[in-house]
Amino acid sequence: MPGSKNNRRGGRGMYPKTNNLQHKSGKIRYILPEYLEATEIQALIRSAPHAKAKLLMTFQWRAGLRISEALAIKANDITLDGDRPTIHVRQGKGRRDRLVPIHPKLVDAIQTAMAFGDFRRGPFFTVNRTTAWRWVKTALQRATELGSIQPGKYVGTHTLRHSAARHWLAHGIPINVAQKWLGHSSLQVTLRYLELLPDPAGDMARIP
């Protein structure tokens, strides 16, 4: 399919980075990452166009995966045995491997998918980033029409990862643990998600 040079090099033209924007003055403006609340993410997944799209979005949301990492997952990367199931993310950003714990809801989704499909060979998802992006946009439109998500929000595949990070921190996951799960090389990168959760302990409400 013909496309721009940026799209052929990984879809960058379709997944704009909004954290830093160049202003006319030449100064860099910092913009917080877009995220959705847990109820909005759940509504987005329910509105996905089909089961495969729901599974992919659940992978990104529950494991905090980049879209490239989610699309590369194979059956032998998943360990469901024992009381601590994991996903082996191979050669993520920076060519680093990592293990990510699997949330019980994702375990259920994986087991259902395996019961109805043959995932013994190859990746779980034989689609590209553009298709994954379109699935999210379709789900967003449906969820917005139903009133589950407010109009005007920017939501892309990476929004699922941003939302996962904020959700973990809101539920008390230590920042250094979130760093490992997300595959960040530096804690400074993970710290930006605290800006999406400025008062995780509810301290402001306790000030007399």
C-alpha atoms as a PDB file:
ATOM      1  CA  MET A   1       0.000   0.000   0.000  1.00  0.00           C
ATOM      2  CA  PRO A   2       1.515   3.364  -0.959  1.00  0.00           C
ATOM      3  CA  GLY A   3       2.207   5.750   1.865  1.00  0.00           C
ATOM      4  CA  SER A   4       4.479   8.448   3.143  1.00  0.00           C
ATOM      5  CA  LYS A   5       8.099   7.836   3.962  1.00  0.00           C
ATOM      6  CA  ASN A   6       7.310   8.176   7.672  1.00  0.00           C
ATOM      7  CA  ASN A   7       4.541   5.596   7.538  1.00  0.00           C
ATOM      8  CA  ARG A   8       6.794   3.117   5.724  1.00  0.00           C
ATOM      9  CA  ARG A   9       9.390   3.570   8.446  1.00  0.00           C
ATOM     10  CA  GLY A  10       7.162   2.383  11.247  1.00  0.00           C
ATOM     11  CA  GLY A  11       4.002   4.414  11.088  1.00  0.00           C
ATOM     12  CA  ARG A  12       5.450   7.445  12.821  1.00  0.00           C
ATOM     13  CA  GLY A  13       3.303   9.772  10.789  1.00  0.00           C
ATOM     14  CA  MET A  14       0.212   8.090  12.214  1.00  0.00           C
ATOM     15  CA  TYR A  15       1.286   8.091  15.855  1.00  0.00           C
ATOM     16  CA  PRO A  16       2.269  11.659  16.652  1.00  0.00           C
ATOM     17  CA  LYS A  17       4.363  12.221  19.758  1.00  0.00           C
ATOM     18  CA  THR A  18       2.592  14.973  21.682  1.00  0.00           C
ATOM     19  CA  ASN A  19       4.891  15.222  24.713  1.00  0.00           C
ATOM     20  CA  ASN A  20       7.010  18.002  23.228  1.00  0.00           C
ATOM     21  CA  LEU A  21       5.982  20.467  20.548  1.00  0.00           C
ATOM     22  CA  GLN A  22       8.068  23.141  18.872  1.00  0.00           C
ATOM     23  CA  HIS A  23       6.446  26.550  19.380  1.00  0.00           C
ATOM     24  CA  LYS A  24       6.750  29.376  16.862  1.00  0.00           C
ATOM     25  CA  SER A  25       9.046  31.161  19.292  1.00  0.00           C
ATOM     26  CA  GLY A  26      11.484  28.248  19.067  1.00  0.00           C
ATOM     27  CA  LYS A  27      10.780  27.132  22.616  1.00  0.00           C
ATOM     28  CA  ILE A  28       9.750  23.576  23.403  1.00  0.00           C
ATOM     29  CA  ARG A  29       6.330  23.237  25.017  1.00  0.00           C
ATOM     30  CA  TYR A  30       5.826  20.178  27.202  1.00  0.00           C
ATOM     31  CA  ILE A  31       2.417  18.497  26.891  1.00  0.00           C
ATOM     32  CA  LEU A  32       1.327  15.714  29.219  1.00  0.00           C
ATOM     33  CA  PRO A  33       0.718  12.278  27.676  1.00  0.00           C
ATOM     34  CA  GLU A  34      -2.913  11.539  26.866  1.00  0.00           C
ATOM     35  CA  TYR A  35      -4.543   8.836  28.983  1.00  0.00           C
ATOM     36  CA  LEU A  36      -7.946   7.330  29.715  1.00  0.00           C
ATOM     37  CA  GLU A  37      -9.413   6.329  33.050  1.00  0.00           C
ATOM     38  CA  ALA A  38      -9.860   2.611  33.679  1.00  0.00           C
ATOM     39  CA  THR A  39     -13.612   2.794  33.013  1.00  0.00           C
ATOM     40  CA  GLU A  40     -12.951   4.537  29.704  1.00  0.00           C
ATOM     41  CA  ILE A  41     -10.374   1.932  28.666  1.00  0.00           C
ATOM     42  CA  GLN A  42     -12.837  -0.838  29.470  1.00  0.00           C
ATOM     43  CA  ALA A  43     -15.498   0.928  27.396  1.00  0.00           C
ATOM     44  CA  LEU A  44     -12.998   1.327  24.553  1.00  0.00           C
ATOM     45  CA  ILE A  45     -12.188  -2.391  24.585  1.00  0.00           C
ATOM     46  CA  ARG A  46     -15.878  -3.321  24.674  1.00  0.00           C
ATOM     47  CA  SER A  47     -16.371  -1.132  21.590  1.00  0.00           C
ATOM     48  CA  ALA A  48     -13.571  -2.789  19.608  1.00  0.00           C
ATOM     49  CA  PRO A  49     -14.701  -4.051  16.188  1.00  0.00           C
ATOM     50  CA  HIS A  50     -14.013  -7.753  16.876  1.00  0.00           C
ATOM     51  CA  ALA A  51     -12.418 -10.256  19.259  1.00  0.00           C
ATOM     52  CA  LYS A  52      -8.892  -9.944  17.832  1.00  0.00           C
ATOM     53  CA  ALA A  53      -8.948  -6.170  18.288  1.00  0.00           C
ATOM     54  CA  LYS A  54     -10.197  -6.577  21.859  1.00  0.00           C
ATOM     55  CA  LEU A  55      -7.390  -9.007  22.629  1.00  0.00           C
ATOM     56  CA  LEU A  56      -4.701  -6.732  21.199  1.00  0.00           C
ATOM     57  CA  MET A  57      -6.002  -3.729  23.121  1.00  0.00           C
ATOM     58  CA  THR A  58      -6.186  -5.825  26.301  1.00  0.00           C
ATOM     59  CA  PHE A  59      -2.550  -6.857  25.820  1.00  0.00           C
ATOM     60  CA  GLN A  60      -1.457  -3.232  25.564  1.00  0.00           C
ATOM     61  CA  TRP A  61      -3.609  -2.060  28.462  1.00  0.00           C
ATOM     62  CA  ARG A  62      -3.025  -4.855  30.963  1.00  0.00           C
ATOM     63  CA  ALA A  63       0.687  -5.352  30.209  1.00  0.00           C
ATOM     64  CA  GLY A  64       1.602  -1.775  29.283  1.00  0.00           C
ATOM     65  CA  LEU A  65       3.099  -2.878  25.979  1.00  0.00           C
ATOM     66  CA  ARG A  66       4.184  -0.742  23.078  1.00  0.00           C
ATOM     67  CA  ILE A  67       2.242  -1.638  19.947  1.00  0.00           C
ATOM     68  CA  SER A  68       5.390  -3.107  18.340  1.00  0.00           C
ATOM     69  CA  GLU A  69       5.897  -5.325  21.404  1.00  0.00           C
ATOM     70  CA  ALA A  70       2.276  -6.498  21.454  1.00  0.00           C
ATOM     71  CA  LEU A  71       2.350  -7.371  17.745  1.00  0.00           C
ATOM     72  CA  ALA A  72       5.523  -9.433  18.247  1.00  0.00           C
ATOM     73  CA  ILE A  73       4.139 -11.621  21.067  1.00  0.00           C
ATOM     74  CA  LYS A  74       4.133 -15.365  20.336  1.00  0.00           C
ATOM     75  CA  ALA A  75       2.637 -18.249  22.272  1.00  0.00           C
ATOM     76  CA  ASN A  76       6.033 -19.371  23.567  1.00  0.00           C
ATOM     77  CA  ASP A  77       6.568 -15.901  25.041  1.00  0.00           C
ATOM     78  CA  ILE A  78       3.661 -16.475  27.440  1.00  0.00           C
ATOM     79  CA  THR A  79       3.897 -18.529  30.615  1.00  0.00           C
ATOM     80  CA  LEU A  80       0.550 -19.207  32.283  1.00  0.00           C
ATOM     81  CA  ASP A  81       1.709 -22.024  34.571  1.00  0.00           C
ATOM     82  CA  GLY A  82       2.114 -21.317  38.265  1.00  0.00           C
ATOM     83  CA  ASP A  83       0.725 -18.484  40.344  1.00  0.00           C
ATOM     84  CA  ARG A  84       2.685 -15.707  38.599  1.00  0.00           C
ATOM     85  CA  PRO A  85       2.108 -15.829  34.830  1.00  0.00           C
ATOM     86  CA  THR A  86       4.419 -13.696  32.699  1.00  0.00           C
ATOM     87  CA  ILE A  87       5.000 -12.352  29.208  1.00  0.00           C
ATOM     88  CA  HIS A  88       8.544 -12.448  27.874  1.00  0.00           C
ATOM     89  CA  VAL A  89       8.927  -9.252  25.864  1.00  0.00           C
ATOM     90  CA  ARG A  90      11.794  -9.920  23.497  1.00  0.00           C
ATOM     91  CA  GLN A  91      13.998  -7.128  22.198  1.00  0.00           C
ATOM     92  CA  GLY A  92      11.806  -4.216  23.175  1.00  0.00           C
ATOM     93  CA  LYS A  93      12.935  -0.625  22.753  1.00  0.00           C
ATOM     94  CA  GLY A  94      16.702  -0.423  23.037  1.00  0.00           C
ATOM     95  CA  ARG A  95      16.921  -4.152  22.197  1.00  0.00           C
ATOM     96  CA  ARG A  96      16.180  -5.085  25.802  1.00  0.00           C
ATOM     97  CA  ASP A  97      14.316  -8.195  26.930  1.00  0.00           C
ATOM     98  CA  ARG A  98      12.060  -8.079  29.985  1.00  0.00           C
ATOM     99  CA  LEU A  99       9.446 -10.115  31.829  1.00  0.00           C
ATOM    100  CA  VAL A 100       6.055  -8.540  32.503  1.00  0.00           C
ATOM    101  CA  PRO A 101       3.515 -10.065  34.915  1.00  0.00           C
ATOM    102  CA  ILE A 102       0.153 -10.924  33.371  1.00  0.00           C
ATOM    103  CA  HIS A 103      -2.954  -9.442  34.950  1.00  0.00           C
ATOM    104  CA  PRO A 104      -5.708 -12.020  35.730  1.00  0.00           C
ATOM    105  CA  LYS A 105      -8.052 -10.350  33.208  1.00  0.00           C
ATOM    106  CA  LEU A 106      -5.424 -10.771  30.508  1.00  0.00           C
ATOM    107  CA  VAL A 107      -4.863 -14.398  31.549  1.00  0.00           C
ATOM    108  CA  ASP A 108      -8.579 -15.025  30.985  1.00  0.00           C
ATOM    109  CA  ALA A 109      -8.456 -13.325  27.572  1.00  0.00           C
ATOM    110  CA  ILE A 110      -5.388 -15.315  26.497  1.00  0.00           C
ATOM    111  CA  GLN A 111      -6.886 -18.631  27.600  1.00  0.00           C
ATOM    112  CA  THR A 112     -10.101 -17.867  25.707  1.00  0.00           C
ATOM    113  CA  ALA A 113      -8.141 -16.981  22.572  1.00  0.00           C
ATOM    114  CA  MET A 114      -6.058 -20.149  22.794  1.00  0.00           C
ATOM    115  CA  ALA A 115      -9.183 -22.253  23.213  1.00  0.00           C
ATOM    116  CA  PHE A 116     -10.581 -20.999  19.903  1.00  0.00           C
ATOM    117  CA  GLY A 117      -7.442 -20.553  17.802  1.00  0.00           C
ATOM    118  CA  ASP A 118      -4.134 -22.173  16.934  1.00  0.00           C
ATOM    119  CA  PHE A 119      -1.372 -19.966  18.296  1.00  0.00           C
ATOM    120  CA  ARG A 120       1.361 -22.591  18.426  1.00  0.00           C
ATOM    121  CA  ARG A 121       3.299 -20.955  15.599  1.00  0.00           C
ATOM    122  CA  GLY A 122       3.936 -17.343  14.745  1.00  0.00           C
ATOM    123  CA  PRO A 123       2.726 -14.195  16.461  1.00  0.00           C
ATOM    124  CA  PHE A 124      -0.673 -13.794  18.090  1.00  0.00           C
ATOM    125  CA  PHE A 125      -1.497 -10.880  15.815  1.00  0.00           C
ATOM    126  CA  THR A 126      -0.805 -11.043  12.083  1.00  0.00           C
ATOM    127  CA  VAL A 127      -1.605  -7.368  11.518  1.00  0.00           C
ATOM    128  CA  ASN A 128       0.437  -4.195  11.172  1.00  0.00           C
ATOM    129  CA  ARG A 129       0.481  -0.988  13.202  1.00  0.00           C
ATOM    130  CA  THR A 130      -1.783   0.842  10.791  1.00  0.00           C
ATOM    131  CA  THR A 131      -4.505  -1.780  11.202  1.00  0.00           C
ATOM    132  CA  ALA A 132      -4.113  -1.731  14.994  1.00  0.00           C
ATOM    133  CA  TRP A 133      -4.405   2.057  14.961  1.00  0.00           C
ATOM    134  CA  ARG A 134      -7.603   1.849  12.905  1.00  0.00           C
ATOM    135  CA  TRP A 135      -9.098  -0.659  15.333  1.00  0.00           C
ATOM    136  CA  VAL A 136      -8.538   1.770  18.198  1.00  0.00           C
ATOM    137  CA  LYS A 137     -10.042   4.640  16.212  1.00  0.00           C
ATOM    138  CA  THR A 138     -13.116   2.541  15.387  1.00  0.00           C
ATOM    139  CA  ALA A 139     -13.514   1.618  19.046  1.00  0.00           C
ATOM    140  CA  LEU A 140     -13.078   5.253  20.077  1.00  0.00           C
ATOM    141  CA  GLN A 141     -15.787   6.409  17.691  1.00  0.00           C
ATOM    142  CA  ARG A 142     -18.211   3.789  18.982  1.00  0.00           C
ATOM    143  CA  ALA A 143     -17.445   4.492  22.651  1.00  0.00           C
ATOM    144  CA  THR A 144     -17.814   8.236  22.062  1.00  0.00           C
ATOM    145  CA  GLU A 145     -21.166   7.775  20.344  1.00  0.00           C
ATOM    146  CA  LEU A 146     -22.341   5.720  23.337  1.00  0.00           C
ATOM    147  CA  GLY A 147     -21.234   8.465  25.722  1.00  0.00           C
ATOM    148  CA  SER A 148     -18.612   6.283  27.429  1.00  0.00           C
ATOM    149  CA  ILE A 149     -15.757   8.586  26.387  1.00  0.00           C
ATOM    150  CA  GLN A 150     -16.021  12.352  26.096  1.00  0.00           C
ATOM    151  CA  PRO A 151     -15.657  13.763  22.566  1.00  0.00           C
ATOM    152  CA  GLY A 152     -12.415  15.438  21.602  1.00  0.00           C
ATOM    153  CA  LYS A 153      -9.964  13.100  23.311  1.00  0.00           C
ATOM    154  CA  TYR A 154      -6.950  11.974  21.322  1.00  0.00           C
ATOM    155  CA  VAL A 155      -6.657   8.205  21.602  1.00  0.00           C
ATOM    156  CA  GLY A 156      -4.164   6.049  19.730  1.00  0.00           C
ATOM    157  CA  THR A 157      -2.503   2.724  20.368  1.00  0.00           C
ATOM    158  CA  HIS A 158       0.104   4.314  22.659  1.00  0.00           C
ATOM    159  CA  THR A 159      -2.668   5.806  24.820  1.00  0.00           C
ATOM    160  CA  LEU A 160      -3.302   2.307  26.141  1.00  0.00           C
ATOM    161  CA  ARG A 161       0.282   2.119  27.418  1.00  0.00           C
ATOM    162  CA  HIS A 162       0.114   5.609  28.963  1.00  0.00           C
ATOM    163  CA  SER A 163      -3.142   4.667  30.675  1.00  0.00           C
ATOM    164  CA  ALA A 164      -1.675   1.431  32.026  1.00  0.00           C
ATOM    165  CA  ALA A 165       1.248   3.284  33.630  1.00  0.00           C
ATOM    166  CA  ARG A 166      -1.035   5.795  35.315  1.00  0.00           C
ATOM    167  CA  HIS A 167      -3.398   3.041  36.464  1.00  0.00           C
ATOM    168  CA  TRP A 168      -0.538   1.090  38.075  1.00  0.00           C
ATOM    169  CA  LEU A 169       0.770   4.115  39.952  1.00  0.00           C
ATOM    170  CA  ALA A 170      -2.745   5.028  41.107  1.00  0.00           C
ATOM    171  CA  HIS A 171      -3.033   1.576  42.650  1.00  0.00           C
ATOM    172  CA  GLY A 172       0.213   1.780  44.566  1.00  0.00           C
ATOM    173  CA  ILE A 173       2.699   0.077  42.255  1.00  0.00           C
ATOM    174  CA  PRO A 174       6.142   1.502  43.161  1.00  0.00           C
ATOM    175  CA  ILE A 175       7.648   3.726  40.493  1.00  0.00           C
ATOM    176  CA  ASN A 176      10.752   1.536  40.110  1.00  0.00           C
ATOM    177  CA  VAL A 177       8.555  -1.544  39.568  1.00  0.00           C
ATOM    178  CA  ALA A 178       6.496   0.315  36.934  1.00  0.00           C
ATOM    179  CA  GLN A 179       9.787   1.259  35.267  1.00  0.00           C
ATOM    180  CA  LYS A 180      10.727  -2.409  34.886  1.00  0.00           C
ATOM    181  CA  TRP A 181       7.283  -3.426  33.649  1.00  0.00           C
ATOM    182  CA  LEU A 182       7.285  -0.642  31.052  1.00  0.00           C
ATOM    183  CA  GLY A 183      10.832  -1.386  29.922  1.00  0.00           C
ATOM    184  CA  HIS A 184      12.185   2.125  30.525  1.00  0.00           C
ATOM    185  CA  SER A 185      15.972   2.374  30.618  1.00  0.00           C
ATOM    186  CA  SER A 186      15.800   5.366  32.954  1.00  0.00           C
ATOM    187  CA  LEU A 187      13.593   6.085  35.952  1.00  0.00           C
ATOM    188  CA  GLN A 188      13.348   9.666  34.725  1.00  0.00           C
ATOM    189  CA  VAL A 189      11.209   8.496  31.806  1.00  0.00           C
ATOM    190  CA  THR A 190       8.776   6.728  34.137  1.00  0.00           C
ATOM    191  CA  LEU A 191       8.585   9.698  36.501  1.00  0.00           C
ATOM    192  CA  ARG A 192       6.642  11.690  33.900  1.00  0.00           C
ATOM    193  CA  TYR A 193       3.624   9.506  34.655  1.00  0.00           C
ATOM    194  CA  LEU A 194       3.542  10.932  38.169  1.00  0.00           C
ATOM    195  CA  GLU A 195       2.593  14.207  36.474  1.00  0.00           C
ATOM    196  CA  LEU A 196      -0.627  12.476  35.408  1.00  0.00           C
ATOM    197  CA  LEU A 197      -1.225  11.537  39.045  1.00  0.00           C
ATOM    198  CA  PRO A 198      -0.097  14.574  41.074  1.00  0.00           C
ATOM    199  CA  ASP A 199      -1.598  13.384  44.377  1.00  0.00           C
ATOM    200  CA  PRO A 200      -1.523   9.549  44.404  1.00  0.00           C
ATOM    201  CA  ALA A 201      -1.977   9.270  48.180  1.00  0.00           C
ATOM    202  CA  GLY A 202      -4.798  11.836  48.412  1.00  0.00           C
ATOM    203  CA  ASP A 203      -2.688  14.132  50.614  1.00  0.00           C
ATOM    204  CA  MET A 204      -4.430  17.357  49.504  1.00  0.00           C
ATOM    205  CA  ALA A 205      -7.757  16.209  50.940  1.00  0.00           C
ATOM    206  CA  ARG A 206      -6.127  15.699  54.355  1.00  0.00           C
ATOM    207  CA  ILE A 207      -4.735  19.215  54.623  1.00  0.00           C
ATOM    208  CA  PRO A 208      -6.796  21.170  57.210  1.00  0.00           C
END
